[in-house]
Amino acid sequence: MSQICIGKLIEEELRSQDRSVVWLATKLQCNRTNVYKIFHRDSIDSELLLKISNVLKRNFFDIYTDRLDI
């Protein structure tokens, strides 16, 4: 199973929506440096992923649940 680079997927979604890093930072109530750090993460805290999913109106959790072997 290949590794998920969630930060890159978040960055791609932000770009596809034609939104800026400053816009996302404002929505997440952080500075843009933190957003750039998110883009480089291979994993992410679930609460932060929930916030990002809500802000970008995209369910990033489905990336993980699709990989469940249940």
N, C-alpha and C. Protein backbone atom coordinates (compact mmCIF):
# COMPACT_ATOMS: atom_id res chain seq x y z
N MET A 1 0.84 -1.17 0.00
CA MET A 1 0.00 0.00 0.00
C MET A 1 0.90 1.25 0.00
N SER A 2 0.65 2.17 -0.90
CA SER A 2 1.48 3.36 -0.99
C SER A 2 1.10 4.39 0.07
N GLN A 3 2.06 5.21 0.42
CA GLN A 3 1.86 6.22 1.47
C GLN A 3 1.04 7.39 0.91
N ILE A 4 0.20 7.93 1.76
CA ILE A 4 -0.58 9.12 1.41
C ILE A 4 0.21 10.34 1.85
N CYS A 5 0.38 11.28 0.95
CA CYS A 5 0.98 12.56 1.31
C CYS A 5 -0.16 13.57 1.41
N ILE A 6 -0.79 13.60 2.56
CA ILE A 6 -2.00 14.39 2.75
C ILE A 6 -1.76 15.88 2.52
N GLY A 7 -0.60 16.36 2.89
CA GLY A 7 -0.30 17.78 2.69
C GLY A 7 -0.33 18.18 1.23
N LYS A 8 0.21 17.33 0.40
CA LYS A 8 0.22 17.62 -1.04
C LYS A 8 -1.21 17.60 -1.59
N LEU A 9 -2.02 16.69 -1.11
CA LEU A 9 -3.41 16.62 -1.56
C LEU A 9 -4.20 17.85 -1.12
N ILE A 10 -3.92 18.34 0.06
CA ILE A 10 -4.57 19.56 0.54
C ILE A 10 -4.14 20.75 -0.33
N GLU A 11 -2.86 20.82 -0.62
CA GLU A 11 -2.35 21.90 -1.47
C GLU A 11 -2.99 21.84 -2.86
N GLU A 12 -3.08 20.66 -3.43
CA GLU A 12 -3.69 20.50 -4.76
C GLU A 12 -5.15 20.94 -4.75
N GLU A 13 -5.88 20.59 -3.70
CA GLU A 13 -7.28 20.99 -3.60
C GLU A 13 -7.40 22.51 -3.47
N LEU A 14 -6.56 23.11 -2.66
CA LEU A 14 -6.57 24.56 -2.49
C LEU A 14 -6.33 25.23 -3.84
N ARG A 15 -5.35 24.76 -4.59
CA ARG A 15 -5.03 25.33 -5.91
C ARG A 15 -6.16 25.10 -6.90
N SER A 16 -6.78 23.94 -6.85
CA SER A 16 -7.87 23.65 -7.80
C SER A 16 -9.08 24.56 -7.54
N GLN A 17 -9.22 25.03 -6.31
CA GLN A 17 -10.29 25.96 -5.97
C GLN A 17 -9.87 27.41 -6.21
N ASP A 18 -8.65 27.58 -6.70
CA ASP A 18 -8.11 28.91 -6.98
C ASP A 18 -8.13 29.80 -5.73
N ARG A 19 -7.77 29.18 -4.61
CA ARG A 19 -7.70 29.89 -3.33
C ARG A 19 -6.23 30.10 -2.97
N SER A 20 -5.98 31.11 -2.15
CA SER A 20 -4.61 31.43 -1.76
C SER A 20 -4.26 30.81 -0.41
N VAL A 21 -2.97 30.75 -0.17
CA VAL A 21 -2.47 30.27 1.12
C VAL A 21 -2.93 31.22 2.23
N VAL A 22 -2.93 32.50 1.94
CA VAL A 22 -3.38 33.50 2.93
C VAL A 22 -4.85 33.27 3.27
N TRP A 23 -5.67 32.96 2.26
CA TRP A 23 -7.09 32.68 2.49
C TRP A 23 -7.24 31.49 3.45
N LEU A 24 -6.52 30.39 3.18
CA LEU A 24 -6.62 29.21 4.04
C LEU A 24 -6.11 29.51 5.44
N ALA A 25 -5.01 30.23 5.53
CA ALA A 25 -4.46 30.59 6.84
C ALA A 25 -5.48 31.39 7.65
N THR A 26 -6.15 32.31 7.00
CA THR A 26 -7.17 33.12 7.68
C THR A 26 -8.31 32.23 8.17
N LYS A 27 -8.77 31.32 7.33
CA LYS A 27 -9.86 30.42 7.71
C LYS A 27 -9.46 29.50 8.86
N LEU A 28 -8.20 29.09 8.89
CA LEU A 28 -7.72 28.19 9.94
C LEU A 28 -7.21 28.95 11.17
N GLN A 29 -7.22 30.26 11.08
CA GLN A 29 -6.75 31.12 12.16
C GLN A 29 -5.30 30.81 12.54
N CYS A 30 -4.47 30.77 11.51
CA CYS A 30 -3.04 30.57 11.70
C CYS A 30 -2.31 31.46 10.70
N ASN A 31 -0.99 31.39 10.69
CA ASN A 31 -0.26 32.19 9.71
C ASN A 31 0.09 31.33 8.49
N ARG A 32 0.45 31.98 7.42
CA ARG A 32 0.68 31.25 6.18
C ARG A 32 1.87 30.29 6.26
N THR A 33 2.82 30.59 7.14
CA THR A 33 3.95 29.67 7.33
C THR A 33 3.46 28.31 7.78
N ASN A 34 2.47 28.29 8.67
CA ASN A 34 1.90 27.03 9.14
C ASN A 34 1.20 26.28 8.00
N VAL A 35 0.56 27.00 7.11
CA VAL A 35 -0.11 26.36 5.97
C VAL A 35 0.94 25.69 5.08
N TYR A 36 2.03 26.39 4.81
CA TYR A 36 3.10 25.79 4.00
C TYR A 36 3.67 24.54 4.69
N LYS A 37 3.75 24.54 6.01
CA LYS A 37 4.21 23.35 6.74
C LYS A 37 3.22 22.20 6.59
N ILE A 38 1.92 22.52 6.57
CA ILE A 38 0.90 21.49 6.36
C ILE A 38 1.11 20.82 5.01
N PHE A 39 1.43 21.61 3.99
CA PHE A 39 1.63 21.07 2.63
C PHE A 39 2.74 20.03 2.57
N HIS A 40 3.66 20.06 3.51
CA HIS A 40 4.79 19.12 3.51
C HIS A 40 4.58 17.91 4.41
N ARG A 41 3.42 17.83 5.02
CA ARG A 41 3.16 16.72 5.95
C ARG A 41 2.71 15.45 5.22
N ASP A 42 3.19 14.33 5.74
CA ASP A 42 2.72 13.02 5.26
C ASP A 42 1.51 12.56 6.06
N SER A 43 1.38 13.08 7.27
CA SER A 43 0.23 12.74 8.12
C SER A 43 -0.23 14.02 8.82
N ILE A 44 -1.44 13.95 9.39
CA ILE A 44 -2.01 15.15 9.97
C ILE A 44 -2.96 14.77 11.10
N ASP A 45 -3.06 15.61 12.10
CA ASP A 45 -3.97 15.43 13.22
C ASP A 45 -5.41 15.43 12.70
N SER A 46 -6.23 14.56 13.24
CA SER A 46 -7.61 14.43 12.74
C SER A 46 -8.44 15.69 12.94
N GLU A 47 -8.23 16.41 14.04
CA GLU A 47 -8.98 17.66 14.26
C GLU A 47 -8.62 18.71 13.22
N LEU A 48 -7.34 18.81 12.90
CA LEU A 48 -6.91 19.75 11.88
C LEU A 48 -7.43 19.34 10.51
N LEU A 49 -7.42 18.05 10.24
CA LEU A 49 -7.95 17.56 8.96
C LEU A 49 -9.44 17.85 8.85
N LEU A 50 -10.15 17.75 9.95
CA LEU A 50 -11.58 18.07 9.97
C LEU A 50 -11.80 19.55 9.65
N LYS A 51 -11.01 20.42 10.27
CA LYS A 51 -11.12 21.85 9.99
C LYS A 51 -10.85 22.15 8.52
N ILE A 52 -9.79 21.56 7.99
CA ILE A 52 -9.42 21.79 6.60
C ILE A 52 -10.51 21.25 5.67
N SER A 53 -11.03 20.09 5.98
CA SER A 53 -12.11 19.50 5.18
C SER A 53 -13.32 20.43 5.14
N ASN A 54 -13.68 20.99 6.28
CA ASN A 54 -14.82 21.91 6.34
C ASN A 54 -14.55 23.21 5.58
N VAL A 55 -13.37 23.75 5.74
CA VAL A 55 -13.02 25.00 5.06
C VAL A 55 -13.01 24.82 3.55
N LEU A 56 -12.42 23.73 3.08
CA LEU A 56 -12.31 23.49 1.64
C LEU A 56 -13.51 22.75 1.08
N LYS A 57 -14.43 22.38 1.96
CA LYS A 57 -15.64 21.65 1.54
C LYS A 57 -15.29 20.38 0.74
N ARG A 58 -14.31 19.65 1.29
CA ARG A 58 -13.87 18.39 0.68
C ARG A 58 -13.55 17.42 1.80
N ASN A 59 -14.07 16.21 1.69
CA ASN A 59 -13.85 15.20 2.71
C ASN A 59 -12.50 14.50 2.47
N PHE A 60 -11.48 14.95 3.19
CA PHE A 60 -10.17 14.33 3.05
C PHE A 60 -10.09 12.99 3.79
N PHE A 61 -11.05 12.72 4.65
CA PHE A 61 -11.05 11.45 5.37
C PHE A 61 -11.34 10.28 4.44
N ASP A 62 -12.04 10.54 3.34
CA ASP A 62 -12.36 9.44 2.42
C ASP A 62 -11.11 8.84 1.80
N ILE A 63 -10.05 9.60 1.75
CA ILE A 63 -8.78 9.09 1.23
C ILE A 63 -8.30 7.92 2.10
N TYR A 64 -8.54 8.05 3.39
CA TYR A 64 -8.12 7.01 4.33
C TYR A 64 -9.14 5.88 4.43
N THR A 65 -10.42 6.23 4.49
CA THR A 65 -11.43 5.19 4.65
C THR A 65 -11.51 4.30 3.42
N ASP A 66 -11.19 4.83 2.26
CA ASP A 66 -11.18 4.00 1.05
C ASP A 66 -10.10 2.91 1.12
N ARG A 67 -9.14 3.10 1.99
CA ARG A 67 -8.03 2.14 2.11
C ARG A 67 -8.24 1.10 3.22
N LEU A 68 -9.35 1.23 3.95
CA LEU A 68 -9.62 0.27 5.02
C LEU A 68 -9.86 -1.12 4.45
N ASP A 69 -9.29 -2.08 5.12
CA ASP A 69 -9.44 -3.48 4.71
C ASP A 69 -10.34 -4.17 5.73
N ILE A 70 -11.62 -3.89 5.63
CA ILE A 70 -12.60 -4.43 6.60
C ILE A 70 -13.48 -5.44 5.93
